Protein backbone atom coordinates (compact mmCIF):
# COMPACT_ATOMS: atom_id res chain seq x y z
CA UNK A 1 -5.75 8.87 -23.85
CA UNK A 2 -4.29 8.58 -20.30
CA UNK A 3 -6.81 8.78 -17.46
CA UNK A 4 -6.74 11.60 -14.92
CA UNK A 5 -5.31 9.39 -12.15
CA UNK A 6 -2.32 8.47 -14.32
CA UNK A 7 -1.67 12.14 -15.12
CA UNK A 8 -1.94 12.99 -11.40
CA UNK A 9 0.52 10.21 -10.51
CA UNK A 10 3.07 11.51 -13.01
CA UNK A 11 2.75 15.02 -11.58
CA UNK A 12 3.17 13.67 -8.04
CA UNK A 13 6.23 11.67 -9.10
CA UNK A 14 8.01 14.37 -11.10
CA UNK A 15 10.04 15.73 -8.12
CA UNK A 16 11.12 12.15 -7.36
CA UNK A 17 12.10 11.66 -11.00
CA UNK A 18 14.29 14.77 -10.92
CA UNK A 19 16.08 13.69 -7.73
CA UNK A 20 16.88 10.17 -8.92
CA UNK A 21 17.83 11.25 -12.44
CA UNK A 22 20.37 13.65 -10.97
CA UNK A 23 21.53 11.12 -8.38
CA UNK A 24 22.39 8.42 -10.91
CA UNK A 25 24.42 10.93 -12.92
CA UNK A 26 26.50 11.58 -9.78
CA UNK A 27 26.74 8.09 -8.27
CA UNK A 28 26.22 5.71 -11.20
CA UNK A 29 25.43 2.06 -10.40
CA UNK A 30 25.82 2.34 -6.64
CA UNK A 31 23.26 1.98 -3.81
CA UNK A 32 23.63 5.68 -2.98
CA UNK A 33 22.10 6.52 -6.38
CA UNK A 34 18.79 5.05 -5.21
CA UNK A 35 19.08 6.29 -1.60
CA UNK A 36 20.08 2.95 -0.06
CA UNK A 37 22.57 3.12 2.79
CA UNK A 38 24.88 0.44 1.44
CA UNK A 39 24.98 -2.64 -0.77
CA UNK A 40 24.64 -5.06 2.15
CA UNK A 41 21.31 -3.55 3.25
CA UNK A 42 20.10 -3.43 -0.33
CA UNK A 43 20.97 -7.10 -0.92
CA UNK A 44 19.29 -8.13 2.33
CA UNK A 45 15.96 -6.89 1.00
CA UNK A 46 16.46 -8.85 -2.21
CA UNK A 47 17.13 -11.98 -0.16
CA UNK A 48 13.84 -11.52 1.68
CA UNK A 49 11.93 -11.20 -1.60
CA UNK A 50 13.70 -14.29 -2.94
CA UNK A 51 12.03 -16.24 -0.14
CA UNK A 52 9.00 -16.39 -2.45
CA UNK A 53 10.81 -18.26 -5.23
CA UNK A 54 10.09 -21.74 -3.80
CA UNK A 55 6.47 -21.18 -4.91
CA UNK A 56 7.81 -22.16 -8.33
CA UNK A 57 8.61 -25.87 -8.85
CA UNK A 58 12.33 -26.55 -9.31
CA UNK A 59 13.63 -26.43 -12.88
CA UNK A 60 10.74 -24.14 -13.85
CA UNK A 61 11.56 -20.70 -15.23
CA UNK A 62 9.74 -17.67 -13.84
CA UNK A 63 9.29 -13.95 -14.49
CA UNK A 64 9.71 -10.85 -12.32
CA UNK A 65 8.24 -7.36 -12.35
CA UNK A 66 10.55 -4.90 -10.56
CA UNK A 67 8.66 -1.63 -10.07
CA UNK A 68 11.12 1.19 -9.46
CA UNK A 69 14.09 -0.81 -10.69
CA UNK A 70 16.63 2.02 -10.65
CA UNK A 71 19.90 0.94 -12.25
CA UNK A 72 18.91 -2.75 -12.09
CA UNK A 73 20.38 -3.90 -8.77
CA UNK A 74 17.64 -6.50 -8.29
CA UNK A 75 18.29 -8.10 -11.67
CA UNK A 76 22.02 -8.13 -10.92
CA UNK A 77 21.27 -9.93 -7.63
CA UNK A 78 19.07 -12.61 -9.20
CA UNK A 79 20.48 -13.11 -12.69
CA UNK A 80 22.94 -15.87 -11.76
CA UNK A 81 20.53 -17.90 -9.63
CA UNK A 82 20.16 -21.41 -11.12
CA UNK A 83 16.37 -21.17 -10.93
CA UNK A 84 16.41 -17.92 -12.93
CA UNK A 85 18.54 -19.29 -15.75
CA UNK A 86 15.67 -19.11 -18.26
CA UNK A 87 13.68 -16.42 -16.48
CA UNK A 88 12.33 -13.07 -17.65
CA UNK A 89 12.70 -9.74 -15.87
CA UNK A 90 10.79 -6.49 -16.44
CA UNK A 91 12.34 -3.44 -14.82
CA UNK A 92 10.23 -0.27 -14.62
CA UNK A 93 11.36 3.19 -13.64
CA UNK A 94 10.19 6.76 -14.15
CA UNK A 95 13.78 7.93 -14.68
CA UNK A 96 15.17 7.39 -18.16
CA UNK A 97 18.65 8.12 -16.80
CA UNK A 98 18.29 5.18 -14.40
CA UNK A 99 17.17 2.89 -17.21
CA UNK A 100 20.06 3.95 -19.43
CA UNK A 101 22.46 3.15 -16.59
CA UNK A 102 20.85 -0.28 -16.22
CA UNK A 103 21.08 -1.02 -19.94
CA UNK A 104 24.73 0.05 -19.99
CA UNK A 105 25.81 -2.44 -17.31
CA UNK A 106 23.24 -5.21 -17.67
CA UNK A 107 23.02 -6.18 -21.33
CA UNK A 108 21.07 -9.42 -20.97
CA UNK A 109 18.33 -10.85 -23.22
CA UNK A 110 16.27 -11.85 -20.17
CA UNK A 111 15.92 -8.22 -19.05
CA UNK A 112 13.54 -5.58 -20.42
CA UNK A 113 13.78 -1.97 -19.26
CA UNK A 114 10.58 0.09 -19.41
CA UNK A 115 10.00 3.75 -18.57
CA UNK A 116 6.75 3.64 -16.61
CA UNK A 117 5.37 4.09 -13.09
CA UNK A 118 3.03 1.15 -13.74
CA UNK A 119 3.70 -2.48 -14.61
CA UNK A 120 2.78 -3.19 -18.23
CA UNK A 121 3.60 -6.92 -18.34
CA UNK A 122 2.27 -9.90 -16.42
CA UNK A 123 4.84 -11.71 -14.28
CA UNK A 124 4.92 -14.53 -11.75
CA UNK A 125 6.41 -12.29 -9.07
CA UNK A 126 6.15 -8.52 -8.61
CA UNK A 127 8.46 -6.61 -6.27
CA UNK A 128 8.64 -3.01 -5.05
CA UNK A 129 11.90 -2.38 -3.23
CA UNK A 130 12.13 1.08 -1.67
CA UNK A 131 10.16 2.71 -4.47
CA UNK A 132 7.52 4.23 -2.19
CA UNK A 133 9.97 5.73 0.31
CA UNK A 134 10.94 9.06 -1.27
CA UNK A 135 7.93 11.37 -1.54
CA UNK A 136 9.67 14.77 -1.56
CA UNK A 137 7.22 16.36 0.90
CA UNK A 138 4.16 15.30 -1.10
CA UNK A 139 0.85 15.44 0.76
CA UNK A 140 0.69 12.28 2.91
CA UNK A 141 -2.90 11.41 2.02
CA UNK A 142 -2.21 11.82 -1.69
CA UNK A 143 0.94 9.73 -1.45
CA UNK A 144 -0.83 6.95 0.44
CA UNK A 145 -3.63 6.90 -2.15
CA UNK A 146 -1.07 6.75 -4.95
CA UNK A 147 0.63 3.76 -3.29
CA UNK A 148 -2.66 1.94 -2.78
CA UNK A 149 -3.75 2.41 -6.39
CA UNK A 150 -0.28 1.47 -7.59
CA UNK A 151 -0.31 -1.75 -5.58
CA UNK A 152 -3.74 -2.73 -6.90
CA UNK A 153 -2.59 -2.21 -10.49
CA UNK A 154 0.58 -4.21 -9.85
CA UNK A 155 -1.44 -7.01 -8.25
CA UNK A 156 -3.48 -7.25 -11.46
CA UNK A 157 -0.20 -8.00 -13.29
CA UNK A 158 0.97 -10.60 -10.74
CA UNK A 159 0.37 -14.33 -11.23
CA UNK A 160 1.79 -15.78 -8.00
CA UNK A 161 2.99 -13.31 -5.38
CA UNK A 162 3.72 -9.64 -4.74
CA UNK A 163 6.24 -8.28 -2.24
CA UNK A 164 6.92 -4.70 -1.23
CA UNK A 165 8.84 -2.94 1.52
CA UNK A 166 8.29 0.44 3.13
CA UNK A 167 9.73 2.60 5.85
CA UNK A 168 7.79 2.11 9.07
CA UNK A 169 5.89 4.77 10.98
CA UNK A 170 7.36 3.10 14.08
CA UNK A 171 10.91 3.99 13.03
CA UNK A 172 12.76 6.06 15.65
CA UNK A 173 14.52 8.00 12.88
CA UNK A 174 12.75 10.32 10.44
CA UNK A 175 13.76 12.34 7.38
CA UNK A 176 11.54 15.08 6.00
CA UNK A 177 11.46 13.95 2.37
CA UNK A 178 10.66 10.30 3.14
CA UNK A 179 7.32 8.58 3.64
CA UNK A 180 6.80 6.46 6.74
CA UNK A 181 3.88 4.06 6.49
CA UNK A 182 1.73 2.40 9.12
CA UNK A 183 2.30 -1.37 8.71
CA UNK A 184 -1.13 -2.19 10.12
CA UNK A 185 -2.86 0.11 7.63
CA UNK A 186 -1.23 -1.53 4.63
CA UNK A 187 -1.71 -5.00 6.06
CA UNK A 188 -5.44 -4.27 6.39
CA UNK A 189 -5.58 -2.64 2.94
CA UNK A 190 -3.99 -5.63 1.22
CA UNK A 191 -6.13 -8.11 3.15
CA UNK A 192 -9.32 -6.27 2.18
CA UNK A 193 -8.53 -5.49 -1.46
CA UNK A 194 -6.39 -8.38 -2.71
CA UNK A 195 -7.63 -11.93 -2.97
CA UNK A 196 -4.61 -13.61 -1.45
CA UNK A 197 -2.81 -14.58 1.72
CA UNK A 198 -1.17 -11.51 3.25
CA UNK A 199 1.96 -11.76 5.39
CA UNK A 200 3.74 -9.04 7.36
CA UNK A 201 7.49 -9.69 7.52
CA UNK A 202 9.18 -7.89 10.41
CA UNK A 203 12.79 -8.90 9.80
CA UNK A 204 13.69 -5.28 9.05
CA UNK A 205 11.86 -3.80 12.09
CA UNK A 206 11.60 -1.21 13.49
CA UNK A 207 12.89 0.88 10.57
CA UNK A 208 11.15 -1.01 7.77
CA UNK A 209 8.62 -3.71 7.03
CA UNK A 210 7.87 -6.06 4.16
CA UNK A 211 4.47 -7.32 3.06
CA UNK A 212 3.91 -10.41 0.91
CA UNK A 213 0.63 -11.16 -0.87
CA UNK A 214 0.38 -14.69 -2.25
CA UNK A 215 -2.36 -15.74 -4.62
CA UNK A 216 -4.37 -18.60 -3.19
CA UNK A 217 -4.01 -20.60 -6.41
CA UNK A 218 -0.21 -20.50 -6.03
CA UNK A 219 -0.47 -21.91 -2.51
CA UNK A 220 -2.64 -24.77 -3.77
CA UNK A 221 -0.20 -25.56 -6.58
CA UNK A 222 2.89 -25.34 -4.36
CA UNK A 223 1.34 -27.73 -1.85
CA UNK A 224 0.92 -30.38 -4.43
């Protein structure tokens, strides 16, 4: 039986589900379907996340959790990397329409597509790219609590490192249906609640920020 927090999350996310399910029907496998400005900006975020891959020794396969995978743009960006040749990818989304679009264009045995707002599989790396941005006027405190709980659950499914990006509260531009987070709050939250090295990446400032959390064991292994 699902717990009350999971039921609450699904209720909170239902307006988001409706928006993205309709959007992918209109736009298909394009950045606009997941509210990205263009493919270049979308790919830039994937490049930043890929900066964690050197934690894995060369010639070693690795696995990825992509929470809020949409139509699979992250898998498309990484699938031809030499180091991901024998990798595994788990894409999660609340929208079945998004997952069907991903399956249609990305038929690959390395990829699994799962309808869920939570990660169900363990992976070396876990990424959240833009998933927390659209809140459809949800209560800010409730949305922040949802994100925090979601990150903790995802961390429990992460072996090496977790990376996520969010719109910044310092952004000069605002849209009513989007959530703008305080980077310092989430930096402090991750530092306090996750047993790892936390890094704030400001390469997307002032509009966005990225946070990496690296497990201390992975740092020890990567340093020899």
